[in-house]
N, C-alpha and C. Protein backbone atom coordinates (compact mmCIF):
# COMPACT_ATOMS: atom_id res chain seq x y z
N MET A 1 -94.43 -86.62 102.31
CA MET A 1 -94.41 -86.69 100.87
C MET A 1 -94.60 -85.32 100.23
N ILE A 2 -95.50 -84.52 100.83
CA ILE A 2 -95.75 -83.20 100.27
C ILE A 2 -94.53 -82.29 100.46
N ALA A 3 -93.76 -82.53 101.51
CA ALA A 3 -92.56 -81.73 101.74
C ALA A 3 -91.53 -81.98 100.63
N TRP A 4 -91.41 -83.23 100.21
CA TRP A 4 -90.50 -83.54 99.10
C TRP A 4 -90.95 -82.85 97.82
N ALA A 5 -92.24 -82.89 97.56
CA ALA A 5 -92.77 -82.26 96.34
C ALA A 5 -92.55 -80.76 96.36
N LEU A 6 -92.74 -80.14 97.51
CA LEU A 6 -92.53 -78.69 97.62
C LEU A 6 -91.06 -78.33 97.43
N ASN A 7 -90.17 -79.14 97.98
CA ASN A 7 -88.74 -78.87 97.81
C ASN A 7 -88.29 -79.07 96.36
N ILE A 8 -88.79 -80.10 95.71
CA ILE A 8 -88.44 -80.33 94.31
C ILE A 8 -88.99 -79.20 93.44
N ALA A 9 -90.21 -78.77 93.73
CA ALA A 9 -90.79 -77.66 92.97
C ALA A 9 -90.01 -76.37 93.20
N SER A 10 -89.53 -76.14 94.41
CA SER A 10 -88.73 -74.94 94.69
C SER A 10 -87.43 -74.95 93.90
N VAL A 11 -86.78 -76.11 93.83
CA VAL A 11 -85.54 -76.21 93.07
C VAL A 11 -85.80 -76.01 91.58
N ALA A 12 -86.90 -76.56 91.08
CA ALA A 12 -87.23 -76.40 89.66
C ALA A 12 -87.53 -74.95 89.31
N VAL A 13 -88.26 -74.26 90.18
CA VAL A 13 -88.57 -72.85 89.93
C VAL A 13 -87.32 -72.00 90.04
N ALA A 14 -86.44 -72.31 91.00
CA ALA A 14 -85.19 -71.57 91.13
C ALA A 14 -84.30 -71.76 89.90
N LEU A 15 -84.27 -72.97 89.36
CA LEU A 15 -83.51 -73.23 88.14
C LEU A 15 -84.10 -72.46 86.96
N ALA A 16 -85.42 -72.45 86.86
CA ALA A 16 -86.07 -71.67 85.80
C ALA A 16 -85.77 -70.19 85.95
N LEU A 17 -85.70 -69.71 87.17
CA LEU A 17 -85.37 -68.30 87.42
C LEU A 17 -83.95 -67.99 86.96
N LEU A 18 -83.02 -68.89 87.21
CA LEU A 18 -81.65 -68.69 86.75
C LEU A 18 -81.56 -68.70 85.22
N LEU A 19 -82.28 -69.60 84.60
CA LEU A 19 -82.26 -69.64 83.14
C LEU A 19 -82.91 -68.41 82.53
N ASN A 20 -83.95 -67.88 83.18
CA ASN A 20 -84.55 -66.64 82.71
C ASN A 20 -83.60 -65.46 82.88
N GLY A 21 -82.82 -65.48 83.94
CA GLY A 21 -81.81 -64.44 84.12
C GLY A 21 -80.76 -64.48 83.03
N TRP A 22 -80.40 -65.68 82.61
CA TRP A 22 -79.45 -65.82 81.50
C TRP A 22 -80.05 -65.27 80.21
N ARG A 23 -81.33 -65.56 79.96
CA ARG A 23 -81.98 -65.05 78.75
C ARG A 23 -82.13 -63.53 78.81
N LEU A 24 -82.32 -63.00 80.01
CA LEU A 24 -82.42 -61.55 80.16
C LEU A 24 -81.10 -60.88 79.82
N LEU A 25 -80.01 -61.48 80.19
CA LEU A 25 -78.70 -60.89 79.91
C LEU A 25 -78.23 -61.14 78.49
N LYS A 26 -78.52 -62.31 77.93
CA LYS A 26 -77.99 -62.69 76.63
C LYS A 26 -79.01 -62.67 75.50
N GLY A 27 -80.21 -62.17 75.78
CA GLY A 27 -81.26 -62.19 74.76
C GLY A 27 -80.83 -61.46 73.50
N PRO A 28 -81.06 -62.04 72.33
CA PRO A 28 -80.62 -61.37 71.10
C PRO A 28 -81.45 -60.14 70.76
N ALA A 29 -82.71 -60.12 71.16
CA ALA A 29 -83.56 -58.98 70.81
C ALA A 29 -84.19 -58.40 72.08
N LEU A 30 -84.69 -57.20 71.93
CA LEU A 30 -85.30 -56.54 73.07
C LEU A 30 -86.59 -57.24 73.50
N GLY A 31 -87.32 -57.79 72.53
CA GLY A 31 -88.54 -58.53 72.86
C GLY A 31 -88.26 -59.75 73.71
N ASP A 32 -87.14 -60.44 73.44
CA ASP A 32 -86.76 -61.59 74.25
C ASP A 32 -86.48 -61.17 75.69
N ARG A 33 -85.87 -60.04 75.86
CA ARG A 33 -85.57 -59.56 77.20
C ARG A 33 -86.84 -59.17 77.97
N ILE A 34 -87.80 -58.60 77.27
CA ILE A 34 -89.07 -58.24 77.92
C ILE A 34 -89.81 -59.50 78.35
N VAL A 35 -89.85 -60.50 77.50
CA VAL A 35 -90.52 -61.75 77.84
C VAL A 35 -89.78 -62.45 78.99
N ALA A 36 -88.46 -62.41 78.98
CA ALA A 36 -87.69 -63.02 80.06
C ALA A 36 -87.96 -62.31 81.39
N LEU A 37 -88.07 -61.00 81.36
CA LEU A 37 -88.34 -60.25 82.58
C LEU A 37 -89.73 -60.57 83.11
N ASP A 38 -90.71 -60.67 82.23
CA ASP A 38 -92.06 -61.02 82.65
C ASP A 38 -92.11 -62.44 83.20
N THR A 39 -91.38 -63.35 82.57
CA THR A 39 -91.34 -64.73 83.06
C THR A 39 -90.62 -64.82 84.40
N MET A 40 -89.63 -63.97 84.60
CA MET A 40 -88.95 -63.94 85.89
C MET A 40 -89.91 -63.50 87.00
N VAL A 41 -90.75 -62.54 86.70
CA VAL A 41 -91.74 -62.10 87.69
C VAL A 41 -92.68 -63.26 88.04
N ILE A 42 -93.11 -64.01 87.03
CA ILE A 42 -93.99 -65.15 87.28
C ILE A 42 -93.27 -66.22 88.12
N ASN A 43 -91.99 -66.45 87.83
CA ASN A 43 -91.24 -67.44 88.61
C ASN A 43 -91.02 -66.98 90.04
N VAL A 44 -90.79 -65.69 90.24
CA VAL A 44 -90.64 -65.19 91.61
C VAL A 44 -91.95 -65.33 92.38
N ILE A 45 -93.07 -65.08 91.70
CA ILE A 45 -94.37 -65.27 92.35
C ILE A 45 -94.54 -66.73 92.75
N ALA A 46 -94.19 -67.65 91.86
CA ALA A 46 -94.28 -69.08 92.19
C ALA A 46 -93.37 -69.45 93.35
N LEU A 47 -92.18 -68.87 93.39
CA LEU A 47 -91.25 -69.16 94.49
C LEU A 47 -91.79 -68.61 95.81
N ILE A 48 -92.38 -67.44 95.79
CA ILE A 48 -92.96 -66.86 97.01
C ILE A 48 -94.11 -67.73 97.51
N VAL A 49 -94.95 -68.20 96.60
CA VAL A 49 -96.06 -69.07 96.99
C VAL A 49 -95.53 -70.38 97.57
N LEU A 50 -94.50 -70.94 96.96
CA LEU A 50 -93.92 -72.19 97.49
C LEU A 50 -93.31 -71.98 98.87
N ILE A 51 -92.65 -70.85 99.07
CA ILE A 51 -92.08 -70.56 100.40
C ILE A 51 -93.20 -70.42 101.42
N GLY A 52 -94.31 -69.78 101.01
CA GLY A 52 -95.45 -69.66 101.91
C GLY A 52 -96.06 -71.01 102.25
N MET A 53 -96.09 -71.92 101.28
CA MET A 53 -96.63 -73.25 101.54
C MET A 53 -95.69 -74.06 102.44
N ILE A 54 -94.40 -73.90 102.24
CA ILE A 54 -93.45 -74.63 103.08
C ILE A 54 -93.50 -74.11 104.51
N GLY A 55 -93.54 -72.79 104.67
CA GLY A 55 -93.55 -72.20 106.01
C GLY A 55 -94.91 -72.16 106.66
N GLY A 56 -95.97 -72.30 105.88
CA GLY A 56 -97.31 -72.26 106.45
C GLY A 56 -97.74 -70.87 106.86
N ASN A 57 -97.23 -69.85 106.17
CA ASN A 57 -97.54 -68.46 106.51
C ASN A 57 -98.38 -67.85 105.40
N ASP A 58 -99.51 -67.25 105.75
CA ASP A 58 -100.43 -66.68 104.76
C ASP A 58 -99.96 -65.34 104.20
N THR A 59 -99.02 -64.70 104.85
CA THR A 59 -98.56 -63.39 104.41
C THR A 59 -97.86 -63.47 103.05
N TYR A 60 -97.23 -64.58 102.77
CA TYR A 60 -96.54 -64.75 101.49
C TYR A 60 -97.51 -64.72 100.31
N PHE A 61 -98.71 -65.21 100.52
CA PHE A 61 -99.69 -65.22 99.44
C PHE A 61 -100.13 -63.80 99.08
N GLU A 62 -100.26 -62.95 100.10
CA GLU A 62 -100.59 -61.55 99.85
C GLU A 62 -99.44 -60.85 99.12
N ALA A 63 -98.22 -61.16 99.51
CA ALA A 63 -97.06 -60.57 98.83
C ALA A 63 -97.00 -61.03 97.38
N ALA A 64 -97.33 -62.28 97.12
CA ALA A 64 -97.35 -62.79 95.74
C ALA A 64 -98.42 -62.09 94.92
N LEU A 65 -99.56 -61.82 95.51
CA LEU A 65 -100.62 -61.13 94.80
C LEU A 65 -100.21 -59.69 94.47
N LEU A 66 -99.58 -59.01 95.40
CA LEU A 66 -99.10 -57.65 95.14
C LEU A 66 -98.03 -57.64 94.06
N LEU A 67 -97.13 -58.60 94.10
CA LEU A 67 -96.10 -58.67 93.08
C LEU A 67 -96.69 -58.97 91.71
N ALA A 68 -97.75 -59.77 91.66
CA ALA A 68 -98.40 -60.06 90.39
C ALA A 68 -99.01 -58.80 89.79
N MET A 69 -99.63 -57.98 90.62
CA MET A 69 -100.22 -56.74 90.11
C MET A 69 -99.15 -55.77 89.64
N VAL A 70 -98.10 -55.61 90.42
CA VAL A 70 -97.02 -54.69 90.05
C VAL A 70 -96.27 -55.21 88.81
N GLY A 71 -96.06 -56.51 88.74
CA GLY A 71 -95.38 -57.09 87.58
C GLY A 71 -96.15 -56.90 86.30
N PHE A 72 -97.46 -57.06 86.36
CA PHE A 72 -98.29 -56.86 85.17
C PHE A 72 -98.22 -55.41 84.70
N VAL A 73 -98.38 -54.48 85.61
CA VAL A 73 -98.36 -53.06 85.25
C VAL A 73 -96.99 -52.65 84.73
N SER A 74 -95.93 -53.16 85.34
CA SER A 74 -94.60 -52.79 84.88
C SER A 74 -94.29 -53.37 83.50
N THR A 75 -94.77 -54.56 83.21
CA THR A 75 -94.56 -55.13 81.88
C THR A 75 -95.29 -54.32 80.82
N ILE A 76 -96.52 -53.92 81.10
CA ILE A 76 -97.28 -53.11 80.16
C ILE A 76 -96.60 -51.75 79.97
N ALA A 77 -96.13 -51.15 81.05
CA ALA A 77 -95.47 -49.84 80.94
C ALA A 77 -94.17 -49.95 80.15
N TYR A 78 -93.41 -51.01 80.36
CA TYR A 78 -92.15 -51.17 79.64
C TYR A 78 -92.40 -51.39 78.14
N CYS A 79 -93.41 -52.19 77.82
CA CYS A 79 -93.73 -52.41 76.40
C CYS A 79 -94.22 -51.12 75.74
N LYS A 80 -95.02 -50.36 76.46
CA LYS A 80 -95.50 -49.09 75.90
C LYS A 80 -94.35 -48.12 75.71
N PHE A 81 -93.40 -48.11 76.62
CA PHE A 81 -92.24 -47.25 76.48
C PHE A 81 -91.41 -47.64 75.26
N ILE A 82 -91.24 -48.93 75.02
CA ILE A 82 -90.47 -49.40 73.88
C ILE A 82 -91.18 -49.03 72.57
N LEU A 83 -92.50 -49.17 72.54
CA LEU A 83 -93.23 -48.89 71.30
C LEU A 83 -93.34 -47.41 70.99
N ARG A 84 -93.61 -46.58 71.99
CA ARG A 84 -93.92 -45.18 71.75
C ARG A 84 -92.86 -44.20 72.21
N GLY A 85 -91.98 -44.60 73.08
CA GLY A 85 -90.93 -43.70 73.56
C GLY A 85 -91.29 -42.97 74.84
N ASP A 86 -92.56 -43.00 75.25
CA ASP A 86 -92.96 -42.43 76.52
C ASP A 86 -94.08 -43.29 77.10
N ILE A 87 -94.30 -43.15 78.40
CA ILE A 87 -95.30 -43.98 79.07
C ILE A 87 -96.63 -43.22 79.16
N VAL A 88 -96.55 -41.97 79.58
CA VAL A 88 -97.76 -41.16 79.74
C VAL A 88 -97.83 -40.17 78.58
N GLU A 89 -98.96 -40.15 77.94
CA GLU A 89 -99.12 -39.24 76.80
C GLU A 89 -99.77 -37.95 77.22
């Protein structure tokens, strides 16, 4: 039963990732694209965790944690670049 739930969750997260990719490409404003990129990072983290749960491998959880840290820093850096024109002052 848990295998079915994990597979359904993987398909739902993959669909959300595709829809976020569409919003990233077709977003009307730059803010929409930034939010779509950040949401894509969150969906990729969820997909990595689901793959780790399906495979039973703990290494995927560490990779998801590293991606979460890098995704957060990159989102902040991108927003700061948009607002100020440079990242490091």
